[in-house]
Amino acid sequence: MQTRTRVLTGTALALALGAGTFGAVSASASASTAPTTRAESAPAPAAPAKDKNFTTSTHLTIDAASRAARAALDAAGKEGQKVTVAVVDRSGNTLVTLRGDGAGPQSYESAQRKAFTAVSWNAPTSVLAGRLAQAPNLKDIPGTLFLAGGAPVQASGAPVAGIGVAGAPSGDLDEKFARAGVDSLAK
């Protein structure tokens, strides 16, 4: 029995010493990798190397989306039209929706779908509506609406957002107001 007790005690002691050594090494490593302050004059981190596995994209800010939506709504208001304006990002996620006073209940979803359609194909929805004759199944794509009233927002020719307007008596008017929203971003 005595031999067995010595072996167990020795094993426990070795484990305790090993854990203590590991803790000291970990604490030392943590201290050396602790963040430095500007007062310590640490060198600035190197710029990340270009990696073909990643890409950088341009996004419309919420402030710009809000200004564009307001510009489209104001353009419609100047002509006495009661519309809803939606701005979506490159992925079709709604950034801003403004429902003007008196706009019909159908205009909310229609504006969002027109904006989604415009950014998805990087083209005004009036142009896309014309393509239905050659490809009638386009209308079956979820979330899309092939009626005039949507305009893409581009940066360097690439789509970064879409603006959709719905509620005016014609798609041509809706698209005119959407275009006013896009144009406001250039100012």
C-alpha atoms as a PDB file:
ATOM      1  CA  MET A   1       0.000   0.000   0.000  1.00  0.00           C
ATOM      2  CA  GLN A   2       2.763   2.383   0.808  1.00  0.00           C
ATOM      3  CA  THR A   3       4.187   2.195  -2.713  1.00  0.00           C
ATOM      4  CA  ARG A   4       0.796   2.895  -4.215  1.00  0.00           C
ATOM      5  CA  THR A   5       0.341   5.968  -1.984  1.00  0.00           C
ATOM      6  CA  ARG A   6       3.764   7.285  -3.000  1.00  0.00           C
ATOM      7  CA  VAL A   7       2.975   6.833  -6.716  1.00  0.00           C
ATOM      8  CA  LEU A   8      -0.356   8.657  -6.380  1.00  0.00           C
ATOM      9  CA  THR A   9       1.170  11.462  -4.325  1.00  0.00           C
ATOM     10  CA  GLY A  10       4.025  11.830  -6.804  1.00  0.00           C
ATOM     11  CA  THR A  11       1.606  11.942  -9.723  1.00  0.00           C
ATOM     12  CA  ALA A  12      -0.529  14.582  -8.021  1.00  0.00           C
ATOM     13  CA  LEU A  13       2.579  16.641  -7.217  1.00  0.00           C
ATOM     14  CA  ALA A  14       3.813  16.411 -10.823  1.00  0.00           C
ATOM     15  CA  LEU A  15       0.416  17.524 -12.144  1.00  0.00           C
ATOM     16  CA  ALA A  16       0.339  20.476  -9.736  1.00  0.00           C
ATOM     17  CA  LEU A  17       3.846  21.579 -10.728  1.00  0.00           C
ATOM     18  CA  GLY A  18       2.983  21.207 -14.415  1.00  0.00           C
ATOM     19  CA  ALA A  19      -0.160  23.291 -14.022  1.00  0.00           C
ATOM     20  CA  GLY A  20       1.764  25.963 -12.125  1.00  0.00           C
ATOM     21  CA  THR A  21       4.423  26.122 -14.821  1.00  0.00           C
ATOM     22  CA  PHE A  22       1.771  26.297 -17.547  1.00  0.00           C
ATOM     23  CA  GLY A  23       0.015  29.134 -15.672  1.00  0.00           C
ATOM     24  CA  ALA A  24       3.245  31.092 -15.378  1.00  0.00           C
ATOM     25  CA  VAL A  25       4.010  30.665 -19.065  1.00  0.00           C
ATOM     26  CA  SER A  26       0.451  31.703 -19.995  1.00  0.00           C
ATOM     27  CA  ALA A  27       0.625  34.774 -17.760  1.00  0.00           C
ATOM     28  CA  SER A  28       3.958  35.719 -19.277  1.00  0.00           C
ATOM     29  CA  ALA A  29       2.586  35.318 -22.800  1.00  0.00           C
ATOM     30  CA  SER A  30      -0.510  37.364 -21.943  1.00  0.00           C
ATOM     31  CA  ALA A  31       1.597  40.156 -20.554  1.00  0.00           C
ATOM     32  CA  SER A  32       3.718  40.306 -23.681  1.00  0.00           C
ATOM     33  CA  THR A  33       0.683  40.391 -26.003  1.00  0.00           C
ATOM     34  CA  ALA A  34      -1.287  42.928 -23.995  1.00  0.00           C
ATOM     35  CA  PRO A  35      -2.407  45.887 -26.085  1.00  0.00           C
ATOM     36  CA  THR A  36      -0.080  48.843 -26.028  1.00  0.00           C
ATOM     37  CA  THR A  37      -1.100  52.442 -25.661  1.00  0.00           C
ATOM     38  CA  ARG A  38      -0.089  55.352 -27.871  1.00  0.00           C
ATOM     39  CA  ALA A  39       2.127  56.574 -25.046  1.00  0.00           C
ATOM     40  CA  GLU A  40       4.243  53.456 -25.492  1.00  0.00           C
ATOM     41  CA  SER A  41       4.778  54.404 -29.165  1.00  0.00           C
ATOM     42  CA  ALA A  42       3.884  51.008 -30.548  1.00  0.00           C
ATOM     43  CA  PRO A  43       4.369  50.731 -34.285  1.00  0.00           C
ATOM     44  CA  ALA A  44       1.194  51.043 -36.342  1.00  0.00           C
ATOM     45  CA  PRO A  45      -0.205  47.719 -37.506  1.00  0.00           C
ATOM     46  CA  ALA A  46       0.720  46.775 -41.029  1.00  0.00           C
ATOM     47  CA  ALA A  47      -1.971  47.136 -43.679  1.00  0.00           C
ATOM     48  CA  PRO A  48      -3.612  43.807 -44.422  1.00  0.00           C
ATOM     49  CA  ALA A  49      -2.142  42.094 -47.419  1.00  0.00           C
ATOM     50  CA  LYS A  50      -4.335  41.726 -50.493  1.00  0.00           C
ATOM     51  CA  ASP A  51      -6.059  38.398 -50.311  1.00  0.00           C
ATOM     52  CA  LYS A  52      -7.926  36.984 -53.271  1.00  0.00           C
ATOM     53  CA  ASN A  53     -10.329  35.310 -50.833  1.00  0.00           C
ATOM     54  CA  PHE A  54     -11.866  38.637 -49.805  1.00  0.00           C
ATOM     55  CA  THR A  55     -13.434  41.573 -51.556  1.00  0.00           C
ATOM     56  CA  THR A  56     -14.318  45.089 -50.595  1.00  0.00           C
ATOM     57  CA  SER A  57     -17.643  46.519 -51.626  1.00  0.00           C
ATOM     58  CA  THR A  58     -19.203  49.947 -51.653  1.00  0.00           C
ATOM     59  CA  HIS A  59     -22.371  50.556 -49.677  1.00  0.00           C
ATOM     60  CA  LEU A  60     -24.842  53.405 -49.542  1.00  0.00           C
ATOM     61  CA  THR A  61     -24.851  54.992 -46.091  1.00  0.00           C
ATOM     62  CA  ILE A  62     -28.098  55.289 -44.181  1.00  0.00           C
ATOM     63  CA  ASP A  63     -27.759  59.079 -44.358  1.00  0.00           C
ATOM     64  CA  ALA A  64     -27.447  58.973 -48.153  1.00  0.00           C
ATOM     65  CA  ALA A  65     -30.349  56.513 -48.410  1.00  0.00           C
ATOM     66  CA  SER A  66     -32.503  58.805 -46.272  1.00  0.00           C
ATOM     67  CA  ARG A  67     -31.604  61.866 -48.365  1.00  0.00           C
ATOM     68  CA  ALA A  68     -32.365  60.024 -51.601  1.00  0.00           C
ATOM     69  CA  ALA A  69     -35.714  58.786 -50.292  1.00  0.00           C
ATOM     70  CA  ARG A  70     -36.626  62.286 -49.132  1.00  0.00           C
ATOM     71  CA  ALA A  71     -35.632  63.760 -52.517  1.00  0.00           C
ATOM     72  CA  ALA A  72     -37.851  61.247 -54.335  1.00  0.00           C
ATOM     73  CA  LEU A  73     -40.767  61.912 -51.974  1.00  0.00           C
ATOM     74  CA  ASP A  74     -40.325  65.683 -52.360  1.00  0.00           C
ATOM     75  CA  ALA A  75     -40.253  65.388 -56.168  1.00  0.00           C
ATOM     76  CA  ALA A  76     -43.552  63.490 -56.050  1.00  0.00           C
ATOM     77  CA  GLY A  77     -45.040  66.012 -53.624  1.00  0.00           C
ATOM     78  CA  LYS A  78     -44.204  68.909 -55.950  1.00  0.00           C
ATOM     79  CA  GLU A  79     -46.384  67.231 -58.549  1.00  0.00           C
ATOM     80  CA  GLY A  80     -49.162  66.436 -56.080  1.00  0.00           C
ATOM     81  CA  GLN A  81     -48.501  62.682 -56.114  1.00  0.00           C
ATOM     82  CA  LYS A  82     -48.991  60.481 -53.041  1.00  0.00           C
ATOM     83  CA  VAL A  83     -46.336  57.815 -53.154  1.00  0.00           C
ATOM     84  CA  THR A  84     -44.161  55.524 -51.099  1.00  0.00           C
ATOM     85  CA  VAL A  85     -40.396  55.459 -51.601  1.00  0.00           C
ATOM     86  CA  ALA A  86     -38.124  52.540 -50.659  1.00  0.00           C
ATOM     87  CA  VAL A  87     -34.341  52.342 -50.763  1.00  0.00           C
ATOM     88  CA  VAL A  88     -32.650  48.931 -50.588  1.00  0.00           C
ATOM     89  CA  ASP A  89     -28.972  47.994 -50.333  1.00  0.00           C
ATOM     90  CA  ARG A  90     -27.043  45.825 -52.803  1.00  0.00           C
ATOM     91  CA  SER A  91     -28.421  42.677 -51.205  1.00  0.00           C
ATOM     92  CA  GLY A  92     -32.001  43.905 -51.426  1.00  0.00           C
ATOM     93  CA  ASN A  93     -32.338  44.658 -47.716  1.00  0.00           C
ATOM     94  CA  THR A  94     -34.533  47.664 -47.034  1.00  0.00           C
ATOM     95  CA  LEU A  95     -32.595  50.649 -45.726  1.00  0.00           C
ATOM     96  CA  VAL A  96     -35.355  53.284 -45.743  1.00  0.00           C
ATOM     97  CA  THR A  97     -39.034  53.372 -46.594  1.00  0.00           C
ATOM     98  CA  LEU A  98     -41.016  56.620 -46.550  1.00  0.00           C
ATOM     99  CA  ARG A  99     -44.744  56.373 -47.018  1.00  0.00           C
ATOM    100  CA  GLY A 100     -46.059  59.754 -48.087  1.00  0.00           C
ATOM    101  CA  ASP A 101     -49.280  61.176 -46.690  1.00  0.00           C
ATOM    102  CA  GLY A 102     -52.210  59.575 -48.456  1.00  0.00           C
ATOM    103  CA  ALA A 103     -50.187  56.914 -50.286  1.00  0.00           C
ATOM    104  CA  GLY A 104     -52.173  53.753 -51.015  1.00  0.00           C
ATOM    105  CA  PRO A 105     -51.645  50.610 -48.948  1.00  0.00           C
ATOM    106  CA  GLN A 106     -50.316  48.660 -51.967  1.00  0.00           C
ATOM    107  CA  SER A 107     -47.568  51.228 -52.557  1.00  0.00           C
ATOM    108  CA  TYR A 108     -45.440  50.137 -49.588  1.00  0.00           C
ATOM    109  CA  GLU A 109     -44.639  46.635 -50.846  1.00  0.00           C
ATOM    110  CA  SER A 110     -44.596  47.727 -54.498  1.00  0.00           C
ATOM    111  CA  ALA A 111     -41.918  50.358 -53.814  1.00  0.00           C
ATOM    112  CA  GLN A 112     -39.725  47.827 -52.017  1.00  0.00           C
ATOM    113  CA  ARG A 113     -40.090  45.251 -54.779  1.00  0.00           C
ATOM    114  CA  LYS A 114     -39.316  47.810 -57.514  1.00  0.00           C
ATOM    115  CA  ALA A 115     -36.173  48.892 -55.626  1.00  0.00           C
ATOM    116  CA  PHE A 116     -35.120  45.237 -55.207  1.00  0.00           C
ATOM    117  CA  THR A 117     -35.698  44.548 -58.901  1.00  0.00           C
ATOM    118  CA  ALA A 118     -33.697  47.608 -60.002  1.00  0.00           C
ATOM    119  CA  VAL A 119     -30.658  46.762 -57.874  1.00  0.00           C
ATOM    120  CA  SER A 120     -30.820  43.056 -58.733  1.00  0.00           C
ATOM    121  CA  TRP A 121     -30.495  43.704 -62.477  1.00  0.00           C
ATOM    122  CA  ASN A 122     -28.717  47.069 -62.283  1.00  0.00           C
ATOM    123  CA  ALA A 123     -31.302  48.596 -64.595  1.00  0.00           C
ATOM    124  CA  PRO A 124     -34.403  50.768 -64.388  1.00  0.00           C
ATOM    125  CA  THR A 125     -37.506  48.644 -63.952  1.00  0.00           C
ATOM    126  CA  SER A 126     -39.117  50.217 -67.034  1.00  0.00           C
ATOM    127  CA  VAL A 127     -36.344  48.625 -69.120  1.00  0.00           C
ATOM    128  CA  LEU A 128     -36.742  45.322 -67.305  1.00  0.00           C
ATOM    129  CA  ALA A 129     -40.517  45.321 -67.815  1.00  0.00           C
ATOM    130  CA  GLY A 130     -39.817  45.321 -71.555  1.00  0.00           C
ATOM    131  CA  ARG A 131     -37.789  42.132 -71.199  1.00  0.00           C
ATOM    132  CA  LEU A 132     -40.817  40.154 -70.001  1.00  0.00           C
ATOM    133  CA  ALA A 133     -41.901  39.590 -73.616  1.00  0.00           C
ATOM    134  CA  GLN A 134     -38.734  37.546 -74.244  1.00  0.00           C
ATOM    135  CA  ALA A 135     -38.571  35.945 -70.786  1.00  0.00           C
ATOM    136  CA  PRO A 136     -42.014  35.861 -69.146  1.00  0.00           C
ATOM    137  CA  ASN A 137     -40.739  33.689 -66.286  1.00  0.00           C
ATOM    138  CA  LEU A 138     -38.757  36.647 -64.905  1.00  0.00           C
ATOM    139  CA  LYS A 139     -41.917  37.777 -63.121  1.00  0.00           C
ATOM    140  CA  ASP A 140     -41.866  34.535 -61.108  1.00  0.00           C
ATOM    141  CA  ILE A 141     -38.662  35.448 -59.259  1.00  0.00           C
ATOM    142  CA  PRO A 142     -39.603  36.110 -55.616  1.00  0.00           C
ATOM    143  CA  GLY A 143     -39.487  39.710 -54.448  1.00  0.00           C
ATOM    144  CA  THR A 144     -39.405  41.264 -57.902  1.00  0.00           C
ATOM    145  CA  LEU A 145     -41.859  43.595 -59.601  1.00  0.00           C
ATOM    146  CA  PHE A 146     -41.412  44.382 -63.284  1.00  0.00           C
ATOM    147  CA  LEU A 147     -43.274  47.693 -63.415  1.00  0.00           C
ATOM    148  CA  ALA A 148     -41.702  51.082 -64.068  1.00  0.00           C
ATOM    149  CA  GLY A 149     -40.721  52.932 -60.907  1.00  0.00           C
ATOM    150  CA  GLY A 150     -37.393  51.457 -59.817  1.00  0.00           C
ATOM    151  CA  ALA A 151     -33.927  52.871 -60.466  1.00  0.00           C
ATOM    152  CA  PRO A 152     -30.503  51.472 -59.543  1.00  0.00           C
ATOM    153  CA  VAL A 153     -27.918  53.484 -57.630  1.00  0.00           C
ATOM    154  CA  GLN A 154     -24.449  52.868 -59.018  1.00  0.00           C
ATOM    155  CA  ALA A 155     -20.882  53.442 -57.892  1.00  0.00           C
ATOM    156  CA  SER A 156     -18.275  53.010 -60.640  1.00  0.00           C
ATOM    157  CA  GLY A 157     -20.924  51.338 -62.793  1.00  0.00           C
ATOM    158  CA  ALA A 158     -21.744  48.679 -60.204  1.00  0.00           C
ATOM    159  CA  PRO A 159     -25.101  48.570 -58.396  1.00  0.00           C
ATOM    160  CA  VAL A 160     -24.921  49.527 -54.711  1.00  0.00           C
ATOM    161  CA  ALA A 161     -28.604  50.240 -54.001  1.00  0.00           C
ATOM    162  CA  GLY A 162     -32.019  50.554 -55.582  1.00  0.00           C
ATOM    163  CA  ILE A 163     -34.754  53.164 -55.218  1.00  0.00           C
ATOM    164  CA  GLY A 164     -38.352  52.213 -55.818  1.00  0.00           C
ATOM    165  CA  VAL A 165     -41.382  54.486 -55.970  1.00  0.00           C
ATOM    166  CA  ALA A 166     -44.993  53.384 -56.130  1.00  0.00           C
ATOM    167  CA  GLY A 167     -48.355  55.100 -55.962  1.00  0.00           C
ATOM    168  CA  ALA A 168     -48.396  57.621 -58.802  1.00  0.00           C
ATOM    169  CA  PRO A 169     -50.956  57.035 -61.565  1.00  0.00           C
ATOM    170  CA  SER A 170     -48.243  55.792 -63.946  1.00  0.00           C
ATOM    171  CA  GLY A 171     -44.984  53.906 -63.695  1.00  0.00           C
ATOM    172  CA  ASP A 172     -43.317  56.624 -65.739  1.00  0.00           C
ATOM    173  CA  LEU A 173     -44.035  59.119 -62.945  1.00  0.00           C
ATOM    174  CA  ASP A 174     -42.891  56.655 -60.288  1.00  0.00           C
ATOM    175  CA  GLU A 175     -39.622  56.163 -62.140  1.00  0.00           C
ATOM    176  CA  LYS A 176     -39.169  59.913 -62.637  1.00  0.00           C
ATOM    177  CA  PHE A 177     -39.376  60.345 -58.851  1.00  0.00           C
ATOM    178  CA  ALA A 178     -37.017  57.408 -58.224  1.00  0.00           C
ATOM    179  CA  ARG A 179     -34.561  59.012 -60.653  1.00  0.00           C
ATOM    180  CA  ALA A 180     -34.822  62.275 -58.644  1.00  0.00           C
ATOM    181  CA  GLY A 181     -33.692  60.274 -55.608  1.00  0.00           C
ATOM    182  CA  VAL A 182     -30.737  58.831 -57.488  1.00  0.00           C
ATOM    183  CA  ASP A 183     -29.802  62.243 -58.879  1.00  0.00           C
ATOM    184  CA  SER A 184     -29.810  63.762 -55.390  1.00  0.00           C
ATOM    185  CA  LEU A 185     -26.868  61.564 -54.463  1.00  0.00           C
ATOM    186  CA  ALA A 186     -24.658  63.326 -57.009  1.00  0.00           C
ATOM    187  CA  LYS A 187     -25.093  66.678 -55.275  1.00  0.00           C
END
